[in-house]
Protein backbone atom coordinates (compact mmCIF):
# COMPACT_ATOMS: atom_id res chain seq x y z
CA UNK A 1 7.02 -177.00 42.78
CA UNK A 2 9.20 -174.90 44.82
CA UNK A 3 11.50 -172.22 43.17
CA UNK A 4 14.47 -173.82 44.68
CA UNK A 5 13.22 -177.16 43.26
CA UNK A 6 12.43 -175.93 39.86
CA UNK A 7 15.83 -174.72 39.50
CA UNK A 8 17.44 -178.08 40.57
CA UNK A 9 15.17 -179.62 37.75
CA UNK A 10 16.60 -177.20 35.44
CA UNK A 11 20.19 -177.43 36.48
CA UNK A 12 19.62 -181.38 35.86
CA UNK A 13 18.32 -180.85 32.28
CA UNK A 14 20.62 -178.48 30.99
CA UNK A 15 22.83 -181.43 31.68
CA UNK A 16 21.23 -183.34 29.59
CA UNK A 17 22.11 -180.85 26.58
CA UNK A 18 25.81 -180.00 27.90
CA UNK A 19 26.79 -183.66 28.80
CA UNK A 20 24.44 -185.96 27.19
CA UNK A 21 22.47 -187.74 30.05
CA UNK A 22 21.39 -186.96 33.62
CA UNK A 23 19.72 -189.29 36.68
CA UNK A 24 17.09 -187.96 39.03
CA UNK A 25 16.45 -190.08 42.14
CA UNK A 26 13.13 -191.12 43.15
CA UNK A 27 13.36 -189.20 46.23
CA UNK A 28 14.01 -185.93 44.40
CA UNK A 29 10.85 -186.20 42.01
CA UNK A 30 8.75 -187.09 44.88
CA UNK A 31 10.05 -184.20 46.90
CA UNK A 32 9.96 -181.79 43.88
CA UNK A 33 6.18 -182.81 43.10
CA UNK A 34 4.99 -183.09 46.38
CA UNK A 35 3.67 -186.38 45.30
CA UNK A 36 2.87 -189.81 46.71
CA UNK A 37 2.55 -191.22 43.55
CA UNK A 38 4.43 -189.98 40.08
CA UNK A 39 1.94 -189.61 37.42
CA UNK A 40 2.22 -188.61 33.25
CA UNK A 41 1.45 -185.36 34.94
CA UNK A 42 5.32 -185.11 36.40
CA UNK A 43 6.78 -186.51 33.28
CA UNK A 44 4.75 -183.91 30.98
CA UNK A 45 6.23 -181.34 32.92
CA UNK A 46 9.84 -182.66 32.84
CA UNK A 47 9.52 -182.65 29.10
CA UNK A 48 7.85 -179.18 28.77
CA UNK A 49 10.73 -177.75 31.03
CA UNK A 50 13.27 -179.55 28.84
CA UNK A 51 11.88 -177.83 25.85
CA UNK A 52 11.58 -174.55 27.47
CA UNK A 53 14.91 -174.77 28.19
CA UNK A 54 16.20 -175.92 24.70
CA UNK A 55 13.66 -173.62 23.22
CA UNK A 56 12.52 -176.16 20.86
CA UNK A 57 8.83 -177.55 20.99
CA UNK A 58 10.01 -181.05 19.64
CA UNK A 59 13.01 -181.59 21.61
CA UNK A 60 12.91 -185.34 22.92
CA UNK A 61 14.19 -187.06 25.95
CA UNK A 62 14.58 -190.97 26.70
CA UNK A 63 13.93 -192.13 30.04
CA UNK A 64 15.46 -195.36 31.41
CA UNK A 65 14.29 -196.53 35.21
CA UNK A 66 17.25 -197.41 37.06
CA UNK A 67 17.17 -199.02 40.77
CA UNK A 68 17.51 -195.61 42.35
CA UNK A 69 15.54 -193.34 39.81
CA UNK A 70 15.55 -192.33 36.13
CA UNK A 71 18.36 -191.40 33.68
CA UNK A 72 17.22 -188.81 31.18
CA UNK A 73 19.08 -189.06 27.85
CA UNK A 74 18.98 -186.86 24.62
CA UNK A 75 17.45 -189.11 21.81
CA UNK A 76 19.87 -187.38 19.55
CA UNK A 77 23.10 -188.91 21.16
CA UNK A 78 21.52 -192.33 22.54
CA UNK A 79 22.19 -195.84 20.07
CA UNK A 80 21.67 -199.54 21.14
CA UNK A 81 25.16 -201.26 21.91
CA UNK A 82 24.60 -203.93 19.81
CA UNK A 83 24.13 -201.27 16.82
CA UNK A 84 27.43 -199.87 17.92
CA UNK A 85 29.02 -203.27 17.85
CA UNK A 86 27.80 -204.37 14.39
CA UNK A 87 27.89 -201.07 12.65
CA UNK A 88 30.37 -199.17 14.25
CA UNK A 89 29.91 -195.71 16.87
CA UNK A 90 29.54 -193.06 13.88
CA UNK A 91 27.08 -195.32 11.91
CA UNK A 92 24.99 -196.85 14.76
CA UNK A 93 21.26 -195.33 14.33
CA UNK A 94 20.00 -193.21 17.00
CA UNK A 95 17.00 -193.92 18.97
CA UNK A 96 13.96 -191.80 18.41
CA UNK A 97 15.01 -190.59 15.34
């Protein structure tokens, strides 16, 4: 991975920490990882980079596939909408906890 791509990835992962989510386009992932196909190794590297940034070996990310790429969210901030409707925003259980 080129240094500028690593820096862009780190900036996106910092968005998860500061804003609660970020989006990464498929084209960016293929370019950054110089890949024709994304493997588990790619996702493992993204998670490791996120954990390094937070200095937390147990930090988690949720991944949602969308038509143009992936959306990453913090597991501590994600709830099912149905749970929010039934239990209220503050009382809805968080996914991944």
